[in-house]
Amino acid sequence: MIDENTLRQPQVIVYSTKTCPYCILAKRYLSEKGVKYVDYDVGADREKALEMMTKSGQMGVPVLDIGGRIIVGFDRAAIDEALAGR
């Protein structure tokens, strides 16, 4: 059976590094909310690092792409709004 919440959830991409504490918090927050996401380690993947910089204009992590909405840093309110489609 397909979960309706999964069908409505926007695509979520997290650009992070292994040692970034805010990246760990952001991914933990998404997991606790049951949000599926793709995680790219921009410390190890130069192509994804460039993609992140193009999308966000930033070099810092984390950067979240939630359905095309770019969030720089771990911002719970912005994450919740983007997940809700607001």
N, C-alpha and C. Protein backbone atom coordinates (compact mmCIF):
# COMPACT_ATOMS: atom_id res chain seq x y z
N MET A 1 0.84 -1.19 0.00
CA MET A 1 0.00 0.00 0.00
C MET A 1 0.89 1.25 0.00
N ILE A 2 0.51 2.24 -0.77
CA ILE A 2 1.28 3.49 -0.88
C ILE A 2 0.77 4.49 0.15
N ASP A 3 1.69 5.08 0.88
CA ASP A 3 1.38 6.07 1.89
C ASP A 3 1.08 7.41 1.20
N GLU A 4 -0.10 7.99 1.51
CA GLU A 4 -0.49 9.26 0.89
C GLU A 4 0.48 10.39 1.22
N ASN A 5 1.04 10.40 2.43
CA ASN A 5 1.99 11.45 2.80
C ASN A 5 3.23 11.39 1.94
N THR A 6 3.67 10.18 1.58
CA THR A 6 4.84 10.04 0.73
C THR A 6 4.55 10.60 -0.65
N LEU A 7 3.33 10.40 -1.14
CA LEU A 7 2.96 10.92 -2.46
C LEU A 7 2.95 12.44 -2.47
N ARG A 8 2.56 13.06 -1.37
CA ARG A 8 2.47 14.51 -1.31
C ARG A 8 3.78 15.18 -0.95
N GLN A 9 4.72 14.44 -0.43
CA GLN A 9 5.97 15.03 0.01
C GLN A 9 6.79 15.51 -1.18
N PRO A 10 7.27 16.75 -1.11
CA PRO A 10 8.15 17.22 -2.19
C PRO A 10 9.48 16.49 -2.15
N GLN A 11 10.19 16.51 -3.26
CA GLN A 11 11.53 15.93 -3.27
C GLN A 11 12.42 16.74 -2.35
N VAL A 12 13.20 16.04 -1.52
CA VAL A 12 14.07 16.70 -0.56
C VAL A 12 15.51 16.25 -0.81
N ILE A 13 16.38 17.23 -1.01
CA ILE A 13 17.81 16.98 -1.18
C ILE A 13 18.54 17.74 -0.09
N VAL A 14 19.49 17.06 0.55
CA VAL A 14 20.32 17.70 1.56
C VAL A 14 21.76 17.67 1.05
N TYR A 15 22.37 18.83 1.00
CA TYR A 15 23.79 18.96 0.68
C TYR A 15 24.50 19.16 2.01
N SER A 16 25.43 18.27 2.33
CA SER A 16 26.04 18.29 3.65
C SER A 16 27.49 17.81 3.59
N THR A 17 28.12 17.85 4.76
CA THR A 17 29.42 17.21 4.93
C THR A 17 29.31 16.30 6.15
N LYS A 18 30.24 15.37 6.25
CA LYS A 18 30.19 14.40 7.34
C LYS A 18 30.45 15.02 8.71
N THR A 19 31.20 16.11 8.75
CA THR A 19 31.61 16.68 10.04
C THR A 19 30.79 17.88 10.48
N CYS A 20 29.85 18.31 9.69
CA CYS A 20 29.03 19.49 10.00
C CYS A 20 27.94 19.16 11.02
N PRO A 21 28.00 19.76 12.22
CA PRO A 21 26.98 19.44 13.23
C PRO A 21 25.57 19.87 12.83
N TYR A 22 25.44 20.98 12.10
CA TYR A 22 24.11 21.42 11.68
C TYR A 22 23.55 20.53 10.58
N CYS A 23 24.42 19.94 9.79
CA CYS A 23 23.98 18.97 8.78
C CYS A 23 23.38 17.74 9.47
N ILE A 24 24.07 17.29 10.50
CA ILE A 24 23.60 16.13 11.25
C ILE A 24 22.24 16.44 11.89
N LEU A 25 22.11 17.62 12.47
CA LEU A 25 20.83 18.02 13.08
C LEU A 25 19.71 18.10 12.04
N ALA A 26 20.00 18.67 10.87
CA ALA A 26 18.99 18.79 9.82
C ALA A 26 18.51 17.42 9.35
N LYS A 27 19.46 16.51 9.13
CA LYS A 27 19.08 15.17 8.66
C LYS A 27 18.33 14.41 9.75
N ARG A 28 18.73 14.58 11.00
CA ARG A 28 18.01 13.95 12.10
C ARG A 28 16.58 14.49 12.18
N TYR A 29 16.43 15.80 12.02
CA TYR A 29 15.11 16.42 12.08
C TYR A 29 14.21 15.87 10.97
N LEU A 30 14.73 15.77 9.76
CA LEU A 30 13.94 15.22 8.65
C LEU A 30 13.56 13.77 8.94
N SER A 31 14.50 12.99 9.43
CA SER A 31 14.23 11.58 9.73
C SER A 31 13.17 11.44 10.81
N GLU A 32 13.25 12.27 11.85
CA GLU A 32 12.26 12.23 12.93
C GLU A 32 10.86 12.56 12.44
N LYS A 33 10.78 13.40 11.40
CA LYS A 33 9.50 13.76 10.80
C LYS A 33 9.04 12.73 9.77
N GLY A 34 9.86 11.71 9.52
CA GLY A 34 9.51 10.68 8.55
C GLY A 34 9.70 11.12 7.11
N VAL A 35 10.52 12.14 6.90
CA VAL A 35 10.75 12.68 5.57
C VAL A 35 11.89 11.92 4.90
N LYS A 36 11.62 11.42 3.70
CA LYS A 36 12.67 10.77 2.92
C LYS A 36 13.46 11.85 2.19
N TYR A 37 14.78 11.67 2.13
CA TYR A 37 15.62 12.66 1.48
C TYR A 37 16.82 11.98 0.85
N VAL A 38 17.42 12.69 -0.10
CA VAL A 38 18.67 12.27 -0.71
C VAL A 38 19.75 13.15 -0.11
N ASP A 39 20.83 12.54 0.33
CA ASP A 39 21.92 13.27 0.96
C ASP A 39 23.15 13.22 0.08
N TYR A 40 23.70 14.39 -0.24
CA TYR A 40 24.93 14.47 -1.01
C TYR A 40 26.03 15.04 -0.12
N ASP A 41 27.13 14.31 -0.02
CA ASP A 41 28.29 14.75 0.75
C ASP A 41 29.14 15.64 -0.16
N VAL A 42 28.98 16.95 0.00
CA VAL A 42 29.69 17.89 -0.88
C VAL A 42 31.18 17.98 -0.55
N GLY A 43 31.58 17.40 0.56
CA GLY A 43 33.00 17.33 0.88
C GLY A 43 33.71 16.29 0.03
N ALA A 44 32.96 15.32 -0.45
CA ALA A 44 33.54 14.23 -1.24
C ALA A 44 33.14 14.28 -2.71
N ASP A 45 32.12 15.07 -3.05
CA ASP A 45 31.58 15.09 -4.41
C ASP A 45 31.61 16.52 -4.95
N ARG A 46 32.64 16.82 -5.71
CA ARG A 46 32.81 18.18 -6.24
C ARG A 46 31.66 18.61 -7.14
N GLU A 47 31.15 17.69 -7.94
CA GLU A 47 30.03 18.02 -8.84
C GLU A 47 28.80 18.45 -8.03
N LYS A 48 28.51 17.74 -6.96
CA LYS A 48 27.36 18.11 -6.12
C LYS A 48 27.64 19.40 -5.34
N ALA A 49 28.90 19.65 -4.99
CA ALA A 49 29.25 20.90 -4.33
C ALA A 49 28.98 22.08 -5.28
N LEU A 50 29.34 21.93 -6.54
CA LEU A 50 29.07 22.98 -7.52
C LEU A 50 27.57 23.16 -7.73
N GLU A 51 26.84 22.05 -7.76
CA GLU A 51 25.39 22.11 -7.90
C GLU A 51 24.77 22.88 -6.73
N MET A 52 25.25 22.58 -5.53
CA MET A 52 24.77 23.26 -4.33
C MET A 52 25.05 24.77 -4.41
N MET A 53 26.26 25.12 -4.81
CA MET A 53 26.62 26.54 -4.90
C MET A 53 25.80 27.25 -5.97
N THR A 54 25.51 26.58 -7.06
CA THR A 54 24.69 27.18 -8.11
C THR A 54 23.27 27.43 -7.61
N LYS A 55 22.72 26.47 -6.89
CA LYS A 55 21.35 26.61 -6.38
C LYS A 55 21.24 27.67 -5.29
N SER A 56 22.23 27.70 -4.40
CA SER A 56 22.10 28.52 -3.19
C SER A 56 22.90 29.81 -3.20
N GLY A 57 23.95 29.85 -4.04
CA GLY A 57 24.86 30.99 -3.99
C GLY A 57 25.75 30.96 -2.76
N GLN A 58 25.74 29.84 -2.05
CA GLN A 58 26.48 29.70 -0.80
C GLN A 58 27.47 28.56 -0.88
N MET A 59 28.51 28.64 -0.06
CA MET A 59 29.47 27.55 0.05
C MET A 59 29.30 26.79 1.37
N GLY A 60 28.54 27.36 2.30
CA GLY A 60 28.34 26.72 3.59
C GLY A 60 27.26 25.65 3.54
N VAL A 61 27.32 24.74 4.49
CA VAL A 61 26.33 23.67 4.60
C VAL A 61 25.68 23.72 5.97
N PRO A 62 24.51 23.16 6.12
CA PRO A 62 23.76 22.43 5.12
C PRO A 62 22.98 23.36 4.20
N VAL A 63 22.70 22.82 3.02
CA VAL A 63 21.76 23.45 2.10
C VAL A 63 20.71 22.40 1.80
N LEU A 64 19.45 22.77 1.96
CA LEU A 64 18.35 21.87 1.68
C LEU A 64 17.58 22.39 0.47
N ASP A 65 17.24 21.49 -0.41
CA ASP A 65 16.38 21.79 -1.55
C ASP A 65 15.11 21.00 -1.33
N ILE A 66 14.05 21.69 -0.96
CA ILE A 66 12.78 21.04 -0.67
C ILE A 66 11.78 21.48 -1.73
N GLY A 67 11.58 20.62 -2.71
CA GLY A 67 10.66 20.93 -3.80
C GLY A 67 11.04 22.18 -4.55
N GLY A 68 12.34 22.46 -4.65
CA GLY A 68 12.81 23.64 -5.36
C GLY A 68 13.02 24.86 -4.47
N ARG A 69 12.58 24.78 -3.24
CA ARG A 69 12.83 25.88 -2.29
C ARG A 69 14.17 25.62 -1.60
N ILE A 70 15.06 26.59 -1.68
CA ILE A 70 16.41 26.44 -1.14
C ILE A 70 16.46 27.03 0.28
N ILE A 71 16.94 26.22 1.21
CA ILE A 71 17.10 26.65 2.60
C ILE A 71 18.57 26.48 2.96
N VAL A 72 19.19 27.57 3.37
CA VAL A 72 20.60 27.54 3.77
C VAL A 72 20.64 27.50 5.29
N GLY A 73 21.30 26.49 5.83
CA GLY A 73 21.39 26.33 7.27
C GLY A 73 20.26 25.46 7.79
N PHE A 74 20.33 25.17 9.08
CA PHE A 74 19.30 24.35 9.73
C PHE A 74 18.26 25.28 10.33
N ASP A 75 17.16 25.45 9.61
CA ASP A 75 16.08 26.37 9.99
C ASP A 75 14.79 25.56 10.05
N ARG A 76 14.42 25.14 11.26
CA ARG A 76 13.23 24.28 11.42
C ARG A 76 11.98 24.90 10.82
N ALA A 77 11.75 26.17 11.08
CA ALA A 77 10.53 26.82 10.60
C ALA A 77 10.49 26.82 9.07
N ALA A 78 11.60 27.15 8.43
CA ALA A 78 11.65 27.17 6.96
C ALA A 78 11.47 25.76 6.40
N ILE A 79 12.05 24.76 7.07
CA ILE A 79 11.89 23.38 6.62
C ILE A 79 10.42 22.98 6.71
N ASP A 80 9.79 23.27 7.83
CA ASP A 80 8.38 22.91 8.01
C ASP A 80 7.49 23.60 6.97
N GLU A 81 7.76 24.88 6.70
CA GLU A 81 6.97 25.61 5.71
C GLU A 81 7.16 25.01 4.32
N ALA A 82 8.38 24.69 3.97
CA ALA A 82 8.65 24.12 2.65
C ALA A 82 8.00 22.74 2.51
N LEU A 83 8.05 21.94 3.56
CA LEU A 83 7.41 20.62 3.51
C LEU A 83 5.91 20.72 3.39
N ALA A 84 5.34 21.78 3.99
CA ALA A 84 3.90 21.99 3.93
C ALA A 84 3.47 22.66 2.62
N GLY A 85 4.43 23.04 1.80
CA GLY A 85 4.11 23.68 0.53
C GLY A 85 3.76 25.15 0.66
N ARG A 86 4.23 25.78 1.75
CA ARG A 86 3.96 27.21 1.95
C ARG A 86 5.16 28.03 1.60
